[in-house]
Amino acid sequence: MPTRYDSPVVRLKRRIADRLDEDRDKPMALRRTQKGLADKLGVTKSTLHEMLNGHAAQQGALARLDVIADYLGMSPAELVKSERSRLMELSIAEQRIIQQWRDWPREVRATVLRLFDYFGGLLPEEQEAREYGYLLRQIKDPDLRARMVGALRDAVNSQRKWRPASPASDADTHRSHDTTAGARRHPGQT
């Protein structure tokens, strides 16, 4: 949970650490490391540490944000934006999509745009479900995420058990049953 001390530099340090942690299971040749980041910046590992933790952290790390983002495969905005912010910058993948889009013939762009419109036209419930899914994916701890999903399932199941049947749905059920039964008999028959 962000605190009042959650400055862009604090978020930058946390996201660098998170990204480097994600690579720990990769083979050494494919792994991003502090040493690799320092080399990319043209500094020593101890200078990188000073850039992120020392008195000049704001000038050092933020001044080289583009290089850090490039090494980590993220956009600069992803590295420093607040989780509460709805603003975003295009990711590298999104930038690639736009570049490809510009190279496509007009007919292909029109077809793809129709597909986007078709699949993007979500109902409000679907948009809400997508947002909740996004929020759950932001929880990095698998145990915490599993507990949250379990709590949501329990809440939904509890709501189903305690929801009183609506009189309209009961009447519709009886009416459809009576209509079916009445259709089999002629008036005056018992």
N, C-alpha and C. Protein backbone atom coordinates (compact mmCIF):
# COMPACT_ATOMS: atom_id res chain seq x y z
N MET A 1 0.85 -1.18 0.00
CA MET A 1 0.00 0.00 0.00
C MET A 1 0.89 1.24 0.00
N PRO A 2 0.65 2.15 -0.97
CA PRO A 2 1.49 3.34 -1.03
C PRO A 2 1.34 4.20 0.22
N THR A 3 2.43 4.76 0.64
CA THR A 3 2.41 5.64 1.80
C THR A 3 2.64 7.06 1.33
N ARG A 4 2.63 8.01 2.28
CA ARG A 4 2.87 9.39 1.89
C ARG A 4 4.31 9.58 1.43
N TYR A 5 5.19 8.62 1.70
CA TYR A 5 6.59 8.70 1.26
C TYR A 5 6.79 8.00 -0.07
N ASP A 6 5.71 7.61 -0.72
CA ASP A 6 5.78 6.87 -1.98
C ASP A 6 6.07 7.84 -3.12
N SER A 7 7.31 8.28 -3.20
CA SER A 7 7.73 9.23 -4.23
C SER A 7 8.06 8.47 -5.51
N PRO A 8 8.23 9.18 -6.62
CA PRO A 8 8.63 8.51 -7.85
C PRO A 8 9.93 7.71 -7.70
N VAL A 9 10.87 8.21 -6.91
CA VAL A 9 12.14 7.49 -6.72
C VAL A 9 11.89 6.19 -5.96
N VAL A 10 11.03 6.21 -4.95
CA VAL A 10 10.71 5.00 -4.19
C VAL A 10 10.04 3.98 -5.12
N ARG A 11 9.10 4.45 -5.95
CA ARG A 11 8.43 3.54 -6.89
C ARG A 11 9.44 3.00 -7.90
N LEU A 12 10.36 3.83 -8.36
CA LEU A 12 11.38 3.40 -9.31
C LEU A 12 12.23 2.29 -8.70
N LYS A 13 12.71 2.50 -7.47
CA LYS A 13 13.53 1.47 -6.80
C LYS A 13 12.76 0.17 -6.66
N ARG A 14 11.49 0.27 -6.25
CA ARG A 14 10.68 -0.93 -6.05
C ARG A 14 10.46 -1.67 -7.38
N ARG A 15 10.22 -0.94 -8.44
CA ARG A 15 9.95 -1.59 -9.73
C ARG A 15 11.22 -2.17 -10.34
N ILE A 16 12.36 -1.52 -10.12
CA ILE A 16 13.63 -2.11 -10.57
C ILE A 16 13.85 -3.43 -9.83
N ALA A 17 13.66 -3.41 -8.51
CA ALA A 17 13.85 -4.63 -7.72
C ALA A 17 12.87 -5.72 -8.16
N ASP A 18 11.62 -5.36 -8.39
CA ASP A 18 10.62 -6.34 -8.83
C ASP A 18 11.00 -6.96 -10.16
N ARG A 19 11.43 -6.12 -11.11
CA ARG A 19 11.78 -6.63 -12.44
C ARG A 19 13.01 -7.53 -12.37
N LEU A 20 13.99 -7.16 -11.57
CA LEU A 20 15.17 -8.00 -11.43
C LEU A 20 14.81 -9.32 -10.73
N ASP A 21 13.90 -9.26 -9.77
CA ASP A 21 13.45 -10.50 -9.10
C ASP A 21 12.73 -11.43 -10.06
N GLU A 22 11.98 -10.87 -11.00
CA GLU A 22 11.26 -11.70 -11.98
C GLU A 22 12.23 -12.54 -12.80
N ASP A 23 13.44 -12.04 -12.99
CA ASP A 23 14.42 -12.72 -13.84
C ASP A 23 15.28 -13.74 -13.11
N ARG A 24 15.12 -13.88 -11.81
CA ARG A 24 16.00 -14.76 -11.03
C ARG A 24 15.96 -16.21 -11.49
N ASP A 25 14.82 -16.67 -12.01
CA ASP A 25 14.70 -18.06 -12.44
C ASP A 25 15.17 -18.30 -13.87
N LYS A 26 15.51 -17.24 -14.58
CA LYS A 26 15.96 -17.38 -15.96
C LYS A 26 17.42 -17.81 -15.99
N PRO A 27 17.84 -18.40 -17.10
CA PRO A 27 19.27 -18.71 -17.24
C PRO A 27 20.09 -17.43 -17.14
N MET A 28 21.28 -17.55 -16.63
CA MET A 28 22.14 -16.38 -16.37
C MET A 28 22.29 -15.49 -17.61
N ALA A 29 22.39 -16.09 -18.78
CA ALA A 29 22.60 -15.31 -19.99
C ALA A 29 21.38 -14.43 -20.32
N LEU A 30 20.19 -14.81 -19.87
CA LEU A 30 18.97 -14.07 -20.17
C LEU A 30 18.52 -13.18 -19.01
N ARG A 31 19.19 -13.27 -17.91
CA ARG A 31 18.78 -12.58 -16.68
C ARG A 31 19.20 -11.12 -16.69
N ARG A 32 18.29 -10.25 -16.25
CA ARG A 32 18.64 -8.85 -16.01
C ARG A 32 19.17 -8.75 -14.59
N THR A 33 20.27 -8.02 -14.43
CA THR A 33 20.90 -7.93 -13.11
C THR A 33 21.24 -6.49 -12.78
N GLN A 34 21.58 -6.24 -11.51
CA GLN A 34 22.05 -4.91 -11.13
C GLN A 34 23.33 -4.56 -11.89
N LYS A 35 24.19 -5.52 -12.03
CA LYS A 35 25.45 -5.30 -12.76
C LYS A 35 25.16 -4.94 -14.21
N GLY A 36 24.22 -5.65 -14.84
CA GLY A 36 23.84 -5.35 -16.23
C GLY A 36 23.25 -3.96 -16.36
N LEU A 37 22.42 -3.57 -15.40
CA LEU A 37 21.84 -2.23 -15.42
C LEU A 37 22.93 -1.17 -15.25
N ALA A 38 23.85 -1.43 -14.33
CA ALA A 38 24.96 -0.48 -14.12
C ALA A 38 25.78 -0.35 -15.40
N ASP A 39 26.07 -1.47 -16.06
CA ASP A 39 26.83 -1.43 -17.31
C ASP A 39 26.08 -0.62 -18.37
N LYS A 40 24.77 -0.83 -18.46
CA LYS A 40 23.94 -0.11 -19.44
C LYS A 40 24.00 1.40 -19.18
N LEU A 41 24.04 1.78 -17.90
CA LEU A 41 24.11 3.18 -17.53
C LEU A 41 25.53 3.75 -17.64
N GLY A 42 26.51 2.84 -17.78
CA GLY A 42 27.91 3.29 -17.87
C GLY A 42 28.49 3.68 -16.53
N VAL A 43 28.00 3.02 -15.46
CA VAL A 43 28.49 3.31 -14.11
C VAL A 43 28.83 1.99 -13.43
N THR A 44 29.45 2.09 -12.27
CA THR A 44 29.73 0.88 -11.49
C THR A 44 28.48 0.50 -10.69
N LYS A 45 28.50 -0.71 -10.17
CA LYS A 45 27.37 -1.18 -9.37
C LYS A 45 27.20 -0.31 -8.12
N SER A 46 28.30 0.11 -7.52
CA SER A 46 28.20 0.95 -6.33
C SER A 46 27.65 2.34 -6.68
N THR A 47 27.99 2.85 -7.86
CA THR A 47 27.43 4.14 -8.30
C THR A 47 25.94 4.01 -8.54
N LEU A 48 25.53 2.88 -9.11
CA LEU A 48 24.09 2.63 -9.31
C LEU A 48 23.38 2.63 -7.97
N HIS A 49 23.96 1.96 -6.99
CA HIS A 49 23.38 1.93 -5.65
C HIS A 49 23.25 3.34 -5.10
N GLU A 50 24.27 4.16 -5.28
CA GLU A 50 24.24 5.55 -4.80
C GLU A 50 23.18 6.36 -5.55
N MET A 51 23.03 6.09 -6.86
CA MET A 51 22.01 6.79 -7.65
C MET A 51 20.61 6.51 -7.12
N LEU A 52 20.39 5.28 -6.69
CA LEU A 52 19.05 4.89 -6.23
C LEU A 52 18.81 5.17 -4.76
N ASN A 53 19.87 5.21 -3.96
CA ASN A 53 19.69 5.32 -2.51
C ASN A 53 20.32 6.55 -1.87
N GLY A 54 21.23 7.18 -2.57
CA GLY A 54 21.97 8.29 -1.96
C GLY A 54 21.22 9.61 -1.99
N HIS A 55 21.91 10.65 -1.57
CA HIS A 55 21.33 11.98 -1.49
C HIS A 55 20.95 12.53 -2.86
N ALA A 56 21.68 12.13 -3.87
CA ALA A 56 21.42 12.64 -5.22
C ALA A 56 20.51 11.70 -6.01
N ALA A 57 19.76 10.88 -5.29
CA ALA A 57 18.95 9.85 -5.95
C ALA A 57 17.98 10.45 -6.96
N GLN A 58 17.33 11.53 -6.61
CA GLN A 58 16.33 12.08 -7.52
C GLN A 58 16.97 12.55 -8.82
N GLN A 59 18.10 13.20 -8.73
CA GLN A 59 18.74 13.66 -9.96
C GLN A 59 19.33 12.48 -10.74
N GLY A 60 19.99 11.57 -10.04
CA GLY A 60 20.70 10.48 -10.72
C GLY A 60 19.79 9.49 -11.41
N ALA A 61 18.86 8.91 -10.68
CA ALA A 61 18.01 7.86 -11.24
C ALA A 61 17.00 8.43 -12.23
N LEU A 62 16.36 9.53 -11.86
CA LEU A 62 15.33 10.08 -12.74
C LEU A 62 15.93 10.69 -14.00
N ALA A 63 17.16 11.18 -13.91
CA ALA A 63 17.81 11.77 -15.08
C ALA A 63 18.08 10.70 -16.14
N ARG A 64 18.23 9.47 -15.72
CA ARG A 64 18.54 8.37 -16.66
C ARG A 64 17.39 7.38 -16.78
N LEU A 65 16.19 7.88 -16.57
CA LEU A 65 15.00 7.03 -16.55
C LEU A 65 14.80 6.28 -17.87
N ASP A 66 15.05 6.94 -19.00
CA ASP A 66 14.86 6.30 -20.30
C ASP A 66 15.78 5.09 -20.47
N VAL A 67 17.04 5.23 -20.03
CA VAL A 67 18.00 4.13 -20.16
C VAL A 67 17.59 2.96 -19.24
N ILE A 68 17.17 3.29 -18.03
CA ILE A 68 16.73 2.25 -17.09
C ILE A 68 15.51 1.53 -17.65
N ALA A 69 14.55 2.29 -18.16
CA ALA A 69 13.32 1.69 -18.71
C ALA A 69 13.66 0.79 -19.90
N ASP A 70 14.56 1.24 -20.75
CA ASP A 70 14.94 0.44 -21.92
C ASP A 70 15.57 -0.88 -21.49
N TYR A 71 16.45 -0.84 -20.50
CA TYR A 71 17.10 -2.06 -20.02
C TYR A 71 16.09 -3.04 -19.43
N LEU A 72 15.11 -2.51 -18.71
CA LEU A 72 14.13 -3.37 -18.04
C LEU A 72 12.98 -3.76 -18.95
N GLY A 73 12.91 -3.18 -20.14
CA GLY A 73 11.83 -3.52 -21.07
C GLY A 73 10.49 -2.95 -20.64
N MET A 74 10.52 -1.77 -20.05
CA MET A 74 9.30 -1.11 -19.57
C MET A 74 9.30 0.31 -20.10
N SER A 75 8.12 0.95 -20.04
CA SER A 75 8.09 2.36 -20.40
C SER A 75 8.53 3.17 -19.17
N PRO A 76 9.07 4.37 -19.38
CA PRO A 76 9.43 5.20 -18.24
C PRO A 76 8.25 5.46 -17.30
N ALA A 77 7.07 5.63 -17.87
CA ALA A 77 5.89 5.88 -17.04
C ALA A 77 5.59 4.69 -16.13
N GLU A 78 5.76 3.47 -16.64
CA GLU A 78 5.51 2.28 -15.82
C GLU A 78 6.43 2.23 -14.60
N LEU A 79 7.61 2.77 -14.73
CA LEU A 79 8.58 2.72 -13.65
C LEU A 79 8.25 3.67 -12.50
N VAL A 80 7.61 4.79 -12.80
CA VAL A 80 7.45 5.78 -11.75
C VAL A 80 6.00 6.16 -11.43
N LYS A 81 5.04 5.75 -12.26
CA LYS A 81 3.68 6.21 -12.02
C LYS A 81 3.08 5.57 -10.77
N SER A 82 2.19 6.30 -10.18
CA SER A 82 1.50 5.82 -8.99
C SER A 82 0.45 4.79 -9.39
N GLU A 83 0.25 3.78 -8.54
CA GLU A 83 -0.77 2.77 -8.82
C GLU A 83 -2.16 3.39 -8.85
N ARG A 84 -2.33 4.50 -8.18
CA ARG A 84 -3.62 5.17 -8.13
C ARG A 84 -3.90 5.98 -9.38
N SER A 85 -2.90 6.21 -10.19
CA SER A 85 -3.05 7.03 -11.39
C SER A 85 -3.72 6.24 -12.50
N ARG A 86 -4.67 6.85 -13.18
CA ARG A 86 -5.33 6.23 -14.32
C ARG A 86 -4.61 6.62 -15.62
N LEU A 87 -3.66 7.55 -15.52
CA LEU A 87 -2.93 7.97 -16.71
C LEU A 87 -1.88 6.93 -17.05
N MET A 88 -1.59 6.79 -18.33
CA MET A 88 -0.56 5.83 -18.70
C MET A 88 0.13 6.28 -19.98
N GLU A 89 1.31 5.77 -20.14
CA GLU A 89 2.07 5.98 -21.35
C GLU A 89 2.05 4.66 -22.10
N LEU A 90 2.22 4.72 -23.40
CA LEU A 90 2.21 3.48 -24.18
C LEU A 90 3.38 2.59 -23.78
N SER A 91 3.09 1.30 -23.64
CA SER A 91 4.16 0.34 -23.37
C SER A 91 4.93 0.11 -24.66
N ILE A 92 6.03 -0.59 -24.57
CA ILE A 92 6.84 -0.89 -25.75
C ILE A 92 6.04 -1.73 -26.74
N ALA A 93 5.28 -2.70 -26.24
CA ALA A 93 4.46 -3.54 -27.12
C ALA A 93 3.40 -2.69 -27.82
N GLU A 94 2.78 -1.76 -27.09
CA GLU A 94 1.77 -0.89 -27.71
C GLU A 94 2.40 0.02 -28.77
N GLN A 95 3.61 0.48 -28.52
CA GLN A 95 4.31 1.30 -29.51
C GLN A 95 4.57 0.49 -30.78
N ARG A 96 4.94 -0.77 -30.60
CA ARG A 96 5.18 -1.64 -31.76
C ARG A 96 3.89 -1.85 -32.56
N ILE A 97 2.77 -2.04 -31.86
CA ILE A 97 1.49 -2.22 -32.54
C ILE A 97 1.16 -0.98 -33.37
N ILE A 98 1.35 0.18 -32.80
CA ILE A 98 1.05 1.42 -33.53
C ILE A 98 1.95 1.56 -34.74
N GLN A 99 3.22 1.21 -34.60
CA GLN A 99 4.13 1.30 -35.75
C GLN A 99 3.68 0.35 -36.86
N GLN A 100 3.31 -0.87 -36.50
CA GLN A 100 2.79 -1.82 -37.50
C GLN A 100 1.52 -1.28 -38.14
N TRP A 101 0.62 -0.73 -37.31
CA TRP A 101 -0.65 -0.17 -37.78
C TRP A 101 -0.40 0.86 -38.89
N ARG A 102 0.57 1.71 -38.69
CA ARG A 102 0.86 2.77 -39.67
C ARG A 102 1.35 2.21 -40.99
N ASP A 103 1.96 1.01 -40.96
CA ASP A 103 2.50 0.41 -42.19
C ASP A 103 1.46 -0.42 -42.95
N TRP A 104 0.33 -0.74 -42.33
CA TRP A 104 -0.68 -1.58 -42.98
C TRP A 104 -1.48 -0.81 -44.03
N PRO A 105 -1.97 -1.51 -45.03
CA PRO A 105 -2.86 -0.86 -46.01
C PRO A 105 -4.17 -0.41 -45.35
N ARG A 106 -4.81 0.56 -45.95
CA ARG A 106 -6.04 1.13 -45.39
C ARG A 106 -7.12 0.07 -45.16
N GLU A 107 -7.26 -0.88 -46.07
CA GLU A 107 -8.30 -1.91 -45.94
C GLU A 107 -8.05 -2.80 -44.72
N VAL A 108 -6.80 -3.13 -44.48
CA VAL A 108 -6.45 -3.96 -43.32
C VAL A 108 -6.74 -3.20 -42.03
N ARG A 109 -6.37 -1.93 -41.99
CA ARG A 109 -6.64 -1.11 -40.80
C ARG A 109 -8.13 -1.03 -40.52
N ALA A 110 -8.95 -0.87 -41.58
CA ALA A 110 -10.40 -0.78 -41.40
C ALA A 110 -10.95 -2.08 -40.82
N THR A 111 -10.46 -3.22 -41.30
CA THR A 111 -10.92 -4.52 -40.79
C THR A 111 -10.52 -4.71 -39.34
N VAL A 112 -9.28 -4.39 -39.02
CA VAL A 112 -8.81 -4.54 -37.64
C VAL A 112 -9.57 -3.59 -36.72
N LEU A 113 -9.84 -2.39 -37.17
CA LEU A 113 -10.59 -1.43 -36.36
C LEU A 113 -12.00 -1.95 -36.06
N ARG A 114 -12.63 -2.58 -37.05
CA ARG A 114 -13.96 -3.17 -36.81
C ARG A 114 -13.88 -4.27 -35.77
N LEU A 115 -12.82 -5.07 -35.81
CA LEU A 115 -12.63 -6.11 -34.79
C LEU A 115 -12.45 -5.50 -33.41
N PHE A 116 -11.64 -4.45 -33.33
CA PHE A 116 -11.45 -3.76 -32.04
C PHE A 116 -12.79 -3.23 -31.52
N ASP A 117 -13.57 -2.62 -32.40
CA ASP A 117 -14.88 -2.10 -31.99
C ASP A 117 -15.79 -3.22 -31.50
N TYR A 118 -15.75 -4.35 -32.20
CA TYR A 118 -16.60 -5.47 -31.82
C TYR A 118 -16.20 -6.02 -30.45
N PHE A 119 -14.91 -6.29 -30.27
CA PHE A 119 -14.45 -6.89 -29.02
C PHE A 119 -14.32 -5.87 -27.89
N GLY A 120 -14.19 -4.61 -28.23
CA GLY A 120 -14.05 -3.58 -27.21
C GLY A 120 -15.37 -3.08 -26.66
N GLY A 121 -16.47 -3.43 -27.32
CA GLY A 121 -17.77 -2.95 -26.87
C GLY A 121 -18.29 -3.78 -25.72
N LEU A 122 -17.73 -3.59 -24.56
CA LEU A 122 -18.11 -4.38 -23.40
C LEU A 122 -19.32 -3.78 -22.69
N LEU A 123 -20.11 -4.64 -22.12
CA LEU A 123 -21.19 -4.20 -21.26
C LEU A 123 -20.61 -3.67 -19.96
N PRO A 124 -21.35 -2.84 -19.24
CA PRO A 124 -20.82 -2.30 -17.97
C PRO A 124 -20.38 -3.40 -17.00
N GLU A 125 -21.13 -4.51 -16.94
CA GLU A 125 -20.72 -5.60 -16.04
C GLU A 125 -19.40 -6.21 -16.48
N GLU A 126 -19.21 -6.31 -17.80
CA GLU A 126 -17.96 -6.88 -18.31
C GLU A 126 -16.79 -5.93 -18.04
N GLN A 127 -17.03 -4.64 -18.18
CA GLN A 127 -15.98 -3.67 -17.87
C GLN A 127 -15.61 -3.74 -16.39
N GLU A 128 -16.62 -3.86 -15.54
CA GLU A 128 -16.37 -3.96 -14.10
C GLU A 128 -15.60 -5.24 -13.79
N ALA A 129 -16.00 -6.36 -14.41
CA ALA A 129 -15.29 -7.62 -14.19
C ALA A 129 -13.85 -7.53 -14.66
N ARG A 130 -13.63 -6.87 -15.79
CA ARG A 130 -12.27 -6.71 -16.31
C ARG A 130 -11.43 -5.88 -15.34
N GLU A 131 -12.04 -4.84 -14.77
CA GLU A 131 -11.31 -3.98 -13.83
C GLU A 131 -10.95 -4.76 -12.56
N TYR A 132 -11.89 -5.57 -12.05
CA TYR A 132 -11.60 -6.37 -10.86
C TYR A 132 -10.50 -7.39 -11.16
N GLY A 133 -10.54 -7.98 -12.34
CA GLY A 133 -9.48 -8.91 -12.73
C GLY A 133 -8.13 -8.22 -12.78
N TYR A 134 -8.12 -7.00 -13.31
CA TYR A 134 -6.88 -6.22 -13.37
C TYR A 134 -6.35 -5.96 -11.96
N LEU A 135 -7.25 -5.57 -11.06
CA LEU A 135 -6.83 -5.29 -9.68
C LEU A 135 -6.26 -6.55 -9.02
N LEU A 136 -6.90 -7.70 -9.24
CA LEU A 136 -6.38 -8.95 -8.66
C LEU A 136 -4.99 -9.28 -9.22
N ARG A 137 -4.78 -9.03 -10.51
CA ARG A 137 -3.47 -9.32 -11.11
C ARG A 137 -2.38 -8.41 -10.55
N GLN A 138 -2.77 -7.27 -9.99
CA GLN A 138 -1.78 -6.36 -9.41
C GLN A 138 -1.24 -6.88 -8.08
N ILE A 139 -1.93 -7.84 -7.46
CA ILE A 139 -1.47 -8.44 -6.21
C ILE A 139 -0.40 -9.46 -6.58
N LYS A 140 0.84 -9.16 -6.24
CA LYS A 140 1.97 -10.00 -6.66
C LYS A 140 2.12 -11.26 -5.80
N ASP A 141 1.73 -11.20 -4.55
CA ASP A 141 1.87 -12.34 -3.65
C ASP A 141 0.80 -13.37 -3.98
N PRO A 142 1.19 -14.57 -4.46
CA PRO A 142 0.20 -15.58 -4.88
C PRO A 142 -0.71 -16.02 -3.73
N ASP A 143 -0.19 -16.10 -2.52
CA ASP A 143 -1.02 -16.51 -1.39
C ASP A 143 -2.09 -15.45 -1.09
N LEU A 144 -1.69 -14.20 -1.11
CA LEU A 144 -2.65 -13.12 -0.86
C LEU A 144 -3.70 -13.09 -1.97
N ARG A 145 -3.26 -13.27 -3.22
CA ARG A 145 -4.21 -13.27 -4.33
C ARG A 145 -5.20 -14.43 -4.18
N ALA A 146 -4.72 -15.60 -3.81
CA ALA A 146 -5.60 -16.76 -3.62
C ALA A 146 -6.59 -16.50 -2.49
N ARG A 147 -6.14 -15.87 -1.41
CA ARG A 147 -7.06 -15.54 -0.30
C ARG A 147 -8.12 -14.56 -0.75
N MET A 148 -7.73 -13.57 -1.57
CA MET A 148 -8.69 -12.58 -2.06
C MET A 148 -9.73 -13.24 -2.96
N VAL A 149 -9.29 -14.12 -3.85
CA VAL A 149 -10.22 -14.83 -4.73
C VAL A 149 -11.16 -15.70 -3.90
N GLY A 150 -10.61 -16.39 -2.89
CA GLY A 150 -11.44 -17.20 -2.01
C GLY A 150 -12.47 -16.37 -1.27
N ALA A 151 -12.06 -15.20 -0.79
CA ALA A 151 -13.00 -14.32 -0.08
C ALA A 151 -14.11 -13.84 -1.02
N LEU A 152 -13.76 -13.53 -2.25
CA LEU A 152 -14.78 -13.11 -3.22
C LEU A 152 -15.76 -14.25 -3.51
N ARG A 153 -15.23 -15.46 -3.69
CA ARG A 153 -16.12 -16.61 -3.94
C ARG A 153 -17.04 -16.85 -2.75
N ASP A 154 -16.49 -16.76 -1.54
CA ASP A 154 -17.32 -16.94 -0.34
C ASP A 154 -18.42 -15.89 -0.29
N ALA A 155 -18.09 -14.65 -0.61
CA ALA A 155 -19.09 -13.58 -0.58
C ALA A 155 -20.20 -13.82 -1.60
N VAL A 156 -19.82 -14.26 -2.79
CA VAL A 156 -20.83 -14.53 -3.83
C VAL A 156 -21.70 -15.71 -3.41
N ASN A 157 -21.09 -16.79 -2.91
CA ASN A 157 -21.87 -17.95 -2.47
C ASN A 157 -22.78 -17.60 -1.31
N SER A 158 -22.31 -16.79 -0.39
CA SER A 158 -23.13 -16.37 0.73
C SER A 158 -24.33 -15.55 0.25
N GLN A 159 -24.08 -14.70 -0.71
CA GLN A 159 -25.17 -13.88 -1.27
C GLN A 159 -26.20 -14.77 -1.95
N ARG A 160 -25.78 -15.79 -2.66
CA ARG A 160 -26.71 -16.71 -3.33
C ARG A 160 -27.57 -17.46 -2.32
N LYS A 161 -26.98 -17.86 -1.20
CA LYS A 161 -27.72 -18.62 -0.20
C LYS A 161 -28.78 -17.78 0.48
N TRP A 162 -28.47 -16.50 0.70
CA TRP A 162 -29.37 -15.67 1.49
C TRP A 162 -30.28 -14.79 0.66
N ARG A 163 -30.17 -14.83 -0.65
CA ARG A 163 -31.02 -13.98 -1.49
C ARG A 163 -32.44 -14.55 -1.49
N PRO A 164 -33.42 -13.76 -1.04
CA PRO A 164 -34.79 -14.26 -1.07
C PRO A 164 -35.28 -14.35 -2.51
N ALA A 165 -36.12 -15.35 -2.78
CA ALA A 165 -36.68 -15.50 -4.11
C ALA A 165 -37.62 -14.33 -4.36
N SER A 166 -37.55 -13.75 -5.53
CA SER A 166 -38.43 -12.61 -5.83
C SER A 166 -39.81 -13.14 -6.16
N PRO A 167 -40.87 -12.45 -5.74
CA PRO A 167 -42.23 -12.89 -6.02
C PRO A 167 -42.49 -13.01 -7.52
N ALA A 168 -41.90 -12.14 -8.33
CA ALA A 168 -42.12 -12.19 -9.77
C ALA A 168 -41.57 -13.48 -10.36
N SER A 169 -40.40 -13.91 -9.91
CA SER A 169 -39.83 -15.13 -10.48
C SER A 169 -40.63 -16.35 -10.05
N ASP A 170 -41.15 -16.36 -8.82
CA ASP A 170 -41.99 -17.48 -8.38
C ASP A 170 -43.28 -17.52 -9.18
N ALA A 171 -43.90 -16.36 -9.40
CA ALA A 171 -45.15 -16.31 -10.15
C ALA A 171 -44.93 -16.75 -11.59
N ASP A 172 -43.81 -16.33 -12.19
CA ASP A 172 -43.52 -16.74 -13.56
C ASP A 172 -43.35 -18.25 -13.65
N THR A 173 -42.71 -18.84 -12.66
CA THR A 173 -42.51 -20.29 -12.65
C THR A 173 -43.84 -21.01 -12.58
N HIS A 174 -44.73 -20.57 -11.66
CA HIS A 174 -46.03 -21.22 -11.53
C HIS A 174 -46.88 -20.99 -12.76
N ARG A 175 -46.85 -19.78 -13.32
CA ARG A 175 -47.65 -19.45 -14.49
C ARG A 175 -47.23 -20.31 -15.67
N SER A 176 -45.91 -20.47 -15.91
CA SER A 176 -45.47 -21.27 -17.05
C SER A 176 -45.86 -22.72 -16.85
N HIS A 177 -45.85 -23.20 -15.60
CA HIS A 177 -46.25 -24.57 -15.33
C HIS A 177 -47.75 -24.74 -15.60
N ASP A 178 -48.56 -23.78 -15.11
CA ASP A 178 -50.01 -23.85 -15.31
C ASP A 178 -50.36 -23.75 -16.77
N THR A 179 -49.71 -22.90 -17.52
CA THR A 179 -50.00 -22.72 -18.93
C THR A 179 -49.71 -24.01 -19.68
N THR A 180 -48.58 -24.65 -19.34
CA THR A 180 -48.23 -25.90 -20.00
C THR A 180 -49.26 -26.96 -19.68
N ALA A 181 -49.65 -27.03 -18.41
CA ALA A 181 -50.63 -28.03 -18.02
C ALA A 181 -51.97 -27.74 -18.68
N GLY A 182 -52.36 -26.46 -18.75
CA GLY A 182 -53.64 -26.08 -19.35
C GLY A 182 -53.66 -26.34 -20.84
N ALA A 183 -52.54 -26.29 -21.50
CA ALA A 183 -52.50 -26.51 -22.93
C ALA A 183 -52.78 -27.96 -23.27
N ARG A 184 -52.57 -28.84 -22.33
CA ARG A 184 -52.81 -30.26 -22.57
C ARG A 184 -54.28 -30.65 -22.35
N ARG A 185 -54.99 -29.81 -21.60
CA ARG A 185 -56.39 -30.12 -21.31
C ARG A 185 -57.29 -29.17 -22.06
N HIS A 186 -58.47 -29.65 -22.40
CA HIS A 186 -59.46 -28.77 -23.00
C HIS A 186 -60.26 -28.13 -21.88
N PRO A 187 -60.79 -26.92 -22.12
CA PRO A 187 -61.62 -26.28 -21.09
C PRO A 187 -62.77 -27.22 -20.71
N GLY A 188 -63.03 -27.26 -19.46
CA GLY A 188 -64.10 -28.10 -18.95
C GLY A 188 -63.63 -29.47 -18.54
N GLN A 189 -62.43 -29.87 -18.95
CA GLN A 189 -61.88 -31.18 -18.53
C GLN A 189 -61.19 -31.01 -17.19
N THR A 190 -61.21 -32.03 -16.42
CA THR A 190 -60.51 -32.00 -15.13
C THR A 190 -59.32 -32.88 -15.15
